[in-house]
Amino acid sequence: MKPPIEILKKINISKFLEGKVTDYVFGPSSDIFVGSFGYPKVYLGPLASLEDELISTPSLFNLSYDEIIQKRSLLVRGTKQMSIRSRIQTEMAEVALSTKPIDVEEHFTKKPNFEMVLSSIHQPIGASAPLKSFRQAENPVIPKKVDSIINEDILANDAISELLSKGFDNYYITKIFSIGTLGKEENKKIVPTKWSITALDDIIGKQRMDKIREFPEINQIMLFYFKHLGNSYHILLLPGAWEFENFESWYPHSEWSKGTKEFYTSEEYEPFEGRTAYAASQVGGYYASRFAVVKYLFSLRKQARVVAIREIDETYTIPLGVAQVREGVNSAMRRMPLKFDSKKEAIEYLSKVLKVSIKKYLSKSMVLRQTKLTDFLRPF
């Protein structure tokens, strides 16, 4: 893997920041970033934009690669160290609790240093510096229901379920989970951003999967597809009881292909009853992909056997976090699928469009190698 500094040279970040970064920032903010370094003492602080507006995460992925990097590089992070058992000051916590961005004013002890934080889980972040002072420049918008739930003495899982039922999305719930506002008082703690992202994908996914297992099975083989930002997604749904299998294939000679001369392919599988081990080979990407597929099946009130294939080419130079995976699969599931009369037909089609040999996927796959009566029957 090439060092981040070499990767960043490919995109001229300095042109976005020239003359904008000082020891003071005034701009919109909607999130508190919590680092993991030094855990259980962590560095955290609000992300304030050097632009006049913030773009929501789903909308961000409608932009080009360079535009996304530009938007993220213009977020300046003030930091202060706290124990995970501490309580974030109310004014700062309200930045994340607000359902709309609010203007904030931050003074730093020195001019922020630009050293873009790259991660496979969270999105890139720009300059940072120790926080000297912070204040809100306008009032946050915190729904009464949110205020009520965070003050109830209930388990975090129950609070998450209730917020989902009231229409709050996973991005908002992840923010307020990370700052330690959900759960029973004695259990509340600050959670590093990258951990909270994957934790919420997993928690919400499991809650919906509990219900999906009781839904009727789909009766049509469907293949969904979407390509964006160097990532191609093929999502195959097969009739049968819930199973989920996720593949990631990285092009050889790409920045993140682990130096291999051939496609690097990983596989993670989940049976009907669920998995007990962490998806170590794909980490957050697995849970983000599963989250988006589960979201679709939950809306359909159906269950299915699922094979999700993500192929990443050499143009994907800077990781954009697992939100890119989640939104990529979401976009695939919103498109009209191709439909097939048999699994054999679907596999034959995939063999023509995938960059990695279908034989490689078949040799690793738990789902595609299964033979069920429904694989040979046409839908009525």
Protein backbone atom coordinates (compact mmCIF):
# COMPACT_ATOMS: atom_id res chain seq x y z
CA MET A 1 0.00 0.00 0.00
CA LYS A 2 1.35 3.39 -0.91
CA PRO A 3 1.70 5.93 1.92
CA PRO A 4 -1.14 8.50 2.13
CA ILE A 5 1.11 11.43 1.25
CA GLU A 6 1.84 9.92 -2.17
CA ILE A 7 -1.84 9.31 -2.78
CA LEU A 8 -2.78 12.87 -1.81
CA LYS A 9 -0.31 14.30 -4.31
CA LYS A 10 -2.66 13.11 -7.04
CA ILE A 11 -5.25 15.65 -5.94
CA ASN A 12 -4.03 19.20 -5.30
CA ILE A 13 -5.62 19.78 -1.88
CA SER A 14 -3.70 22.99 -1.24
CA LYS A 15 -5.64 24.86 -3.94
CA PHE A 16 -8.85 24.35 -1.93
CA LEU A 17 -7.32 25.62 1.32
CA GLU A 18 -5.09 28.48 0.23
CA GLY A 19 -5.71 31.53 2.42
CA LYS A 20 -8.66 29.93 4.22
CA VAL A 21 -7.05 28.21 7.22
CA THR A 22 -6.22 30.39 10.23
CA ASP A 23 -6.43 29.95 14.00
CA TYR A 24 -10.13 30.91 13.83
CA VAL A 25 -13.07 29.49 11.92
CA PHE A 26 -16.69 30.55 11.59
CA GLY A 27 -18.94 28.26 9.59
CA PRO A 28 -21.62 25.58 9.59
CA SER A 29 -21.20 22.39 11.57
CA SER A 30 -23.35 19.31 12.04
CA ASP A 31 -21.05 16.70 13.50
CA ILE A 32 -18.59 15.93 16.26
CA PHE A 33 -15.66 13.82 15.13
CA VAL A 34 -14.34 11.40 17.76
CA GLY A 35 -10.94 9.86 17.13
CA SER A 36 -9.81 6.48 18.43
CA PHE A 37 -6.16 7.33 19.20
CA GLY A 38 -5.39 7.07 22.93
CA TYR A 39 -8.64 5.21 23.73
CA PRO A 40 -10.17 5.25 26.40
CA LYS A 41 -9.06 8.88 26.30
CA VAL A 42 -9.97 10.28 22.90
CA TYR A 43 -9.58 13.47 20.92
CA LEU A 44 -12.86 14.95 19.75
CA GLY A 45 -14.34 18.16 18.46
CA PRO A 46 -16.76 19.74 16.01
CA LEU A 47 -16.14 19.68 12.25
CA ALA A 48 -16.71 23.20 10.90
CA SER A 49 -16.79 23.97 7.20
CA LEU A 50 -14.80 26.76 5.56
CA GLU A 51 -17.66 27.03 3.06
CA ASP A 52 -21.07 28.56 3.66
CA GLU A 53 -23.00 25.31 3.54
CA LEU A 54 -22.70 21.64 4.35
CA ILE A 55 -23.85 18.85 2.07
CA SER A 56 -25.49 15.76 3.57
CA THR A 57 -23.59 12.49 3.20
CA PRO A 58 -26.02 10.90 0.70
CA SER A 59 -25.96 14.06 -1.45
CA LEU A 60 -22.17 14.18 -1.26
CA PHE A 61 -21.96 10.99 -3.28
CA ASN A 62 -23.73 12.64 -6.19
CA LEU A 63 -20.55 14.66 -6.74
CA SER A 64 -17.35 13.75 -8.58
CA TYR A 65 -14.36 12.24 -6.81
CA ASP A 66 -12.43 15.53 -6.74
CA GLU A 67 -15.47 17.46 -5.55
CA ILE A 68 -15.99 15.08 -2.63
CA ILE A 69 -12.34 15.40 -1.58
CA GLN A 70 -12.64 19.18 -1.85
CA LYS A 71 -15.74 19.32 0.34
CA ARG A 72 -14.20 17.07 2.96
CA SER A 73 -10.82 18.87 2.95
CA LEU A 74 -12.64 22.11 3.79
CA LEU A 75 -13.81 20.69 7.12
CA VAL A 76 -11.63 21.97 9.98
CA ARG A 77 -11.59 19.97 13.20
CA GLY A 78 -11.02 21.47 16.63
CA THR A 79 -9.84 18.86 19.14
CA LYS A 80 -9.83 18.37 22.89
CA GLN A 81 -8.99 15.24 24.84
CA MET A 82 -11.63 13.62 27.00
CA SER A 83 -12.28 10.34 28.74
CA ILE A 84 -14.97 8.25 27.03
CA ARG A 85 -16.91 8.37 30.33
CA SER A 86 -16.95 12.18 30.35
CA ARG A 87 -19.90 14.25 29.20
CA ILE A 88 -19.42 16.49 26.20
CA GLN A 89 -20.37 20.08 27.00
CA THR A 90 -23.97 20.80 26.06
CA GLU A 91 -23.23 23.50 23.46
CA MET A 92 -20.91 21.16 21.60
CA ALA A 93 -23.14 18.08 21.89
CA GLU A 94 -26.03 20.06 20.44
CA VAL A 95 -24.12 20.39 17.16
CA ALA A 96 -24.62 16.67 16.60
CA LEU A 97 -28.13 16.62 18.09
CA SER A 98 -29.35 19.35 15.76
CA THR A 99 -31.22 18.08 12.71
CA LYS A 100 -29.85 20.96 10.63
CA PRO A 101 -26.32 22.41 10.43
CA ILE A 102 -25.69 25.39 12.68
CA ASP A 103 -23.02 28.09 12.46
CA VAL A 104 -20.29 27.78 15.08
CA GLU A 105 -17.26 29.80 16.06
CA GLU A 106 -14.00 28.06 16.96
CA HIS A 107 -10.69 29.48 18.17
CA PHE A 108 -7.62 27.24 18.09
CA THR A 109 -4.41 27.36 20.10
CA LYS A 110 -2.51 27.45 16.80
CA LYS A 111 -3.14 27.46 13.08
CA PRO A 112 -4.63 24.06 12.12
CA ASN A 113 -2.23 21.67 10.48
CA PHE A 114 -3.44 20.06 7.27
CA GLU A 115 -2.85 16.32 7.40
CA MET A 116 -5.82 14.59 5.82
CA VAL A 117 -7.08 11.69 7.94
CA LEU A 118 -7.71 8.69 5.68
CA SER A 119 -9.77 5.70 6.74
CA SER A 120 -11.60 2.79 5.16
CA ILE A 121 -14.49 3.51 7.56
CA HIS A 122 -15.07 7.25 7.86
CA GLN A 123 -14.78 9.94 5.21
CA PRO A 124 -11.59 12.01 4.76
CA ILE A 125 -11.09 14.93 7.14
CA GLY A 126 -9.00 18.05 6.61
CA ALA A 127 -6.99 20.32 8.93
CA SER A 128 -7.10 20.06 12.73
CA ALA A 129 -5.79 21.88 15.79
CA PRO A 130 -6.34 21.93 19.57
CA LEU A 131 -9.52 23.77 20.45
CA LYS A 132 -9.14 26.94 22.54
CA SER A 133 -12.78 28.03 22.64
CA PHE A 134 -16.09 27.11 21.06
CA ARG A 135 -19.53 28.66 20.84
CA GLN A 136 -22.74 28.27 18.88
CA ALA A 137 -23.60 31.20 16.63
CA GLU A 138 -27.22 30.12 16.17
CA ASN A 139 -29.72 27.90 17.90
CA PRO A 140 -29.76 24.17 17.20
CA VAL A 141 -32.91 22.38 16.05
CA ILE A 142 -33.42 19.39 18.34
CA PRO A 143 -36.73 17.52 17.97
CA LYS A 144 -38.70 17.01 21.19
CA LYS A 145 -38.76 13.27 20.54
CA VAL A 146 -34.96 13.13 20.41
CA ASP A 147 -34.67 15.17 23.61
CA SER A 148 -37.11 12.79 25.25
CA ILE A 149 -35.36 9.60 24.14
CA ILE A 150 -31.87 10.69 25.18
CA ASN A 151 -33.18 11.48 28.65
CA GLU A 152 -35.01 8.17 29.03
CA ASP A 153 -33.29 5.44 31.00
CA ILE A 154 -33.52 2.81 28.25
CA LEU A 155 -31.06 0.53 26.49
CA ALA A 156 -29.20 1.98 23.50
CA ASN A 157 -30.69 -0.69 21.19
CA ASP A 158 -34.21 0.30 22.25
CA ALA A 159 -33.43 3.99 21.77
CA ILE A 160 -32.07 3.29 18.27
CA SER A 161 -35.17 1.26 17.37
CA GLU A 162 -37.47 4.03 18.59
CA LEU A 163 -35.59 6.72 16.67
CA LEU A 164 -35.77 4.61 13.49
CA SER A 165 -39.53 4.17 13.96
CA LYS A 166 -39.87 7.97 14.15
CA GLY A 167 -38.14 8.48 10.81
CA PHE A 168 -34.60 9.45 11.87
CA ASP A 169 -32.00 7.99 9.50
CA ASN A 170 -28.88 6.00 10.33
CA TYR A 171 -26.55 8.98 9.70
CA TYR A 172 -28.26 11.09 12.33
CA ILE A 173 -28.53 8.24 14.84
CA THR A 174 -24.84 7.39 14.34
CA LYS A 175 -23.85 10.96 15.23
CA ILE A 176 -25.78 11.04 18.50
CA PHE A 177 -24.71 7.50 19.39
CA SER A 178 -21.06 8.51 18.97
CA ILE A 179 -21.28 11.42 21.41
CA GLY A 180 -22.59 9.17 24.17
CA THR A 181 -26.20 10.31 24.48
CA LEU A 182 -27.97 6.95 24.00
CA GLY A 183 -28.45 4.16 26.51
CA LYS A 184 -28.85 3.79 30.24
CA GLU A 185 -27.08 6.49 32.20
CA GLU A 186 -24.52 4.13 33.75
CA ASN A 187 -23.63 2.71 30.34
CA LYS A 188 -23.34 5.93 28.35
CA LYS A 189 -19.94 6.59 26.84
CA ILE A 190 -18.34 8.41 23.91
CA VAL A 191 -17.65 6.13 20.94
CA PRO A 192 -14.98 6.84 18.28
CA THR A 193 -16.61 7.85 15.00
CA LYS A 194 -15.28 4.94 12.95
CA TRP A 195 -16.51 2.43 15.53
CA SER A 196 -19.93 4.01 15.82
CA ILE A 197 -20.45 3.94 12.04
CA THR A 198 -19.96 0.19 11.81
CA ALA A 199 -21.75 -0.44 15.12
CA LEU A 200 -24.91 1.31 13.88
CA ASP A 201 -24.81 -0.49 10.53
CA ASP A 202 -24.64 -3.75 12.48
CA ILE A 203 -27.25 -2.89 15.13
CA ILE A 204 -29.83 -1.52 12.71
CA GLY A 205 -29.13 -4.33 10.26
CA LYS A 206 -29.73 -6.97 12.94
CA GLN A 207 -32.95 -5.31 14.11
CA ARG A 208 -34.33 -5.39 10.57
CA MET A 209 -33.03 -8.90 9.88
CA ASP A 210 -35.04 -10.20 12.86
CA LYS A 211 -38.17 -9.12 11.01
CA ILE A 212 -36.95 -10.06 7.51
CA ARG A 213 -36.57 -13.71 8.58
CA GLU A 214 -40.35 -13.79 9.08
CA PHE A 215 -41.22 -12.26 5.68
CA PRO A 216 -42.16 -14.39 2.64
CA GLU A 217 -39.39 -15.26 0.17
CA ILE A 218 -38.99 -13.48 -3.15
CA ASN A 219 -40.13 -15.55 -6.15
CA GLN A 220 -37.95 -13.91 -8.81
CA ILE A 221 -34.19 -13.90 -9.39
CA MET A 222 -33.06 -10.28 -9.61
CA LEU A 223 -29.71 -8.61 -10.29
CA PHE A 224 -29.11 -4.97 -9.37
CA TYR A 225 -26.15 -2.93 -10.63
CA PHE A 226 -24.52 0.44 -10.01
CA LYS A 227 -21.10 1.89 -10.75
CA HIS A 228 -19.65 5.08 -9.30
CA LEU A 229 -16.26 6.44 -8.21
CA GLY A 230 -14.33 3.37 -9.35
CA ASN A 231 -16.65 0.96 -7.54
CA SER A 232 -18.95 -1.50 -9.33
CA TYR A 233 -21.75 -3.19 -7.40
CA HIS A 234 -23.63 -6.31 -8.53
CA ILE A 235 -26.32 -7.41 -6.06
CA LEU A 236 -27.93 -10.78 -6.82
CA LEU A 237 -31.16 -11.77 -5.03
CA LEU A 238 -32.23 -15.41 -5.16
CA PRO A 239 -35.41 -17.07 -3.84
CA GLY A 240 -34.88 -18.75 -0.48
CA ALA A 241 -34.50 -18.09 3.22
CA TRP A 242 -32.28 -15.19 4.27
CA GLU A 243 -28.55 -15.55 3.65
CA PHE A 244 -25.99 -12.88 2.86
CA GLU A 245 -22.64 -13.15 1.17
CA ASN A 246 -20.38 -10.23 0.34
CA PHE A 247 -17.39 -10.17 -2.02
CA GLU A 248 -14.80 -7.41 -2.41
CA SER A 249 -12.35 -7.58 -5.33
CA TRP A 250 -9.56 -5.02 -5.65
CA TYR A 251 -7.88 -4.45 -8.99
CA PRO A 252 -4.17 -5.37 -9.18
CA HIS A 253 -1.73 -2.46 -9.03
CA SER A 254 -4.33 -0.21 -7.36
CA GLU A 255 -3.47 1.83 -4.26
CA TRP A 256 -5.22 -0.61 -1.92
CA SER A 257 -4.68 -4.02 -3.56
CA LYS A 258 -2.11 -5.11 -0.96
CA GLY A 259 0.61 -5.18 -3.62
CA THR A 260 -0.82 -8.18 -5.47
CA LYS A 261 -0.40 -8.71 -9.21
CA GLU A 262 -3.82 -10.34 -9.45
CA PHE A 263 -7.25 -9.35 -8.17
CA TYR A 264 -7.38 -9.54 -4.38
CA THR A 265 -10.77 -11.04 -3.51
CA SER A 266 -12.26 -11.47 -0.03
CA GLU A 267 -15.49 -13.22 0.95
CA GLU A 268 -17.68 -12.96 4.05
CA TYR A 269 -20.78 -15.08 4.62
CA GLU A 270 -23.78 -14.96 6.95
CA PRO A 271 -26.23 -17.88 7.35
CA PHE A 272 -29.95 -17.59 8.13
CA GLU A 273 -29.40 -17.47 11.89
CA GLY A 274 -26.76 -14.74 11.64
CA ARG A 275 -23.02 -14.60 12.19
CA THR A 276 -21.11 -14.55 15.47
CA ALA A 277 -17.64 -13.50 14.26
CA TYR A 278 -16.64 -10.02 13.11
CA ALA A 279 -16.20 -9.65 9.32
CA ALA A 280 -12.46 -9.13 9.70
CA SER A 281 -11.50 -9.36 6.01
CA GLN A 282 -13.88 -6.55 4.97
CA VAL A 283 -14.55 -4.75 8.27
CA GLY A 284 -17.01 -1.86 7.88
CA GLY A 285 -17.57 -2.43 4.17
CA TYR A 286 -19.36 -5.70 4.89
CA TYR A 287 -21.78 -4.15 7.38
CA ALA A 288 -22.46 -1.13 5.14
CA SER A 289 -23.26 -3.40 2.18
CA ARG A 290 -25.48 -5.65 4.28
CA PHE A 291 -27.22 -2.61 5.77
CA ALA A 292 -28.25 -1.31 2.33
CA VAL A 293 -29.49 -4.70 1.12
CA VAL A 294 -31.44 -5.27 4.34
CA LYS A 295 -32.97 -1.81 4.00
CA TYR A 296 -34.28 -2.75 0.57
CA LEU A 297 -35.67 -6.14 1.61
CA PHE A 298 -37.25 -4.60 4.71
CA SER A 299 -39.05 -2.04 2.53
CA LEU A 300 -40.16 -4.88 0.23
CA ARG A 301 -41.28 -7.03 3.18
CA LYS A 302 -39.43 -9.99 1.64
CA GLN A 303 -36.46 -12.22 2.40
CA ALA A 304 -33.91 -13.67 -0.02
CA ARG A 305 -30.53 -15.28 -0.49
CA VAL A 306 -28.15 -12.47 -1.38
CA VAL A 307 -24.77 -12.34 -3.10
CA ALA A 308 -23.26 -8.85 -3.19
CA ILE A 309 -20.15 -8.28 -5.31
CA ARG A 310 -18.09 -5.10 -5.14
CA GLU A 311 -15.25 -4.65 -7.63
CA ILE A 312 -12.90 -1.71 -7.01
CA ASP A 313 -10.71 -0.42 -9.83
CA GLU A 314 -7.46 1.58 -9.95
CA THR A 315 -9.24 4.96 -10.06
CA TYR A 316 -10.33 4.59 -6.42
CA THR A 317 -7.23 6.25 -4.99
CA ILE A 318 -8.43 7.91 -1.78
CA PRO A 319 -10.83 5.93 0.43
CA LEU A 320 -14.14 7.71 0.98
CA GLY A 321 -15.30 5.65 3.94
CA VAL A 322 -18.00 2.99 4.12
CA ALA A 323 -20.65 5.60 3.32
CA GLN A 324 -19.49 5.16 -0.26
CA VAL A 325 -20.33 1.45 -0.03
CA ARG A 326 -23.66 2.07 1.68
CA GLU A 327 -24.73 4.70 -0.85
CA GLY A 328 -23.39 2.66 -3.76
CA VAL A 329 -25.50 -0.36 -2.80
CA ASN A 330 -28.46 1.91 -1.98
CA SER A 331 -28.19 3.37 -5.49
CA ALA A 332 -28.06 -0.12 -7.01
CA MET A 333 -31.18 -1.20 -5.14
CA ARG A 334 -33.08 1.88 -6.36
CA ARG A 335 -32.55 0.88 -10.00
CA MET A 336 -34.66 -1.49 -12.06
CA PRO A 337 -33.13 -4.96 -11.78
CA LEU A 338 -32.46 -7.49 -14.47
CA LYS A 339 -34.62 -10.61 -13.99
CA PHE A 340 -33.69 -14.20 -14.75
CA ASP A 341 -35.59 -17.47 -14.97
CA SER A 342 -32.83 -19.52 -13.35
CA LYS A 343 -29.68 -19.16 -11.29
CA LYS A 344 -27.73 -20.63 -14.20
CA GLU A 345 -28.85 -17.76 -16.46
CA ALA A 346 -27.87 -15.20 -13.83
CA ILE A 347 -24.42 -16.74 -13.38
CA GLU A 348 -23.88 -16.86 -17.15
CA TYR A 349 -24.73 -13.16 -17.37
CA LEU A 350 -22.41 -12.31 -14.46
CA SER A 351 -19.59 -14.22 -16.15
CA LYS A 352 -19.78 -11.70 -19.01
CA VAL A 353 -19.88 -8.47 -16.98
CA LEU A 354 -17.65 -9.11 -13.96
CA LYS A 355 -13.96 -8.23 -14.15
CA VAL A 356 -12.96 -11.13 -11.91
CA SER A 357 -13.51 -14.62 -13.31
CA ILE A 358 -16.87 -16.04 -12.23
CA LYS A 359 -14.98 -19.25 -11.45
CA LYS A 360 -13.14 -17.46 -8.67
CA TYR A 361 -16.39 -16.30 -7.09
CA LEU A 362 -17.98 -19.75 -7.49
CA SER A 363 -14.98 -21.41 -5.85
CA LYS A 364 -15.37 -19.20 -2.77
CA SER A 365 -19.14 -18.76 -2.64
CA MET A 366 -21.33 -20.44 -0.03
CA VAL A 367 -24.55 -19.28 -1.72
CA LEU A 368 -23.83 -19.76 -5.43
CA ARG A 369 -22.62 -23.33 -4.97
CA GLN A 370 -25.87 -24.33 -3.25
CA THR A 371 -28.43 -26.25 -5.29
CA LYS A 372 -32.08 -25.71 -4.46
CA LEU A 373 -35.20 -26.82 -6.28
CA THR A 374 -36.18 -23.18 -6.80
CA ASP A 375 -33.01 -22.60 -8.81
CA PHE A 376 -34.53 -24.66 -11.64
CA LEU A 377 -38.13 -23.47 -11.48
CA ARG A 378 -39.58 -20.58 -13.46
CA PRO A 379 -41.70 -18.17 -11.38
CA PHE A 380 -45.45 -18.61 -11.69
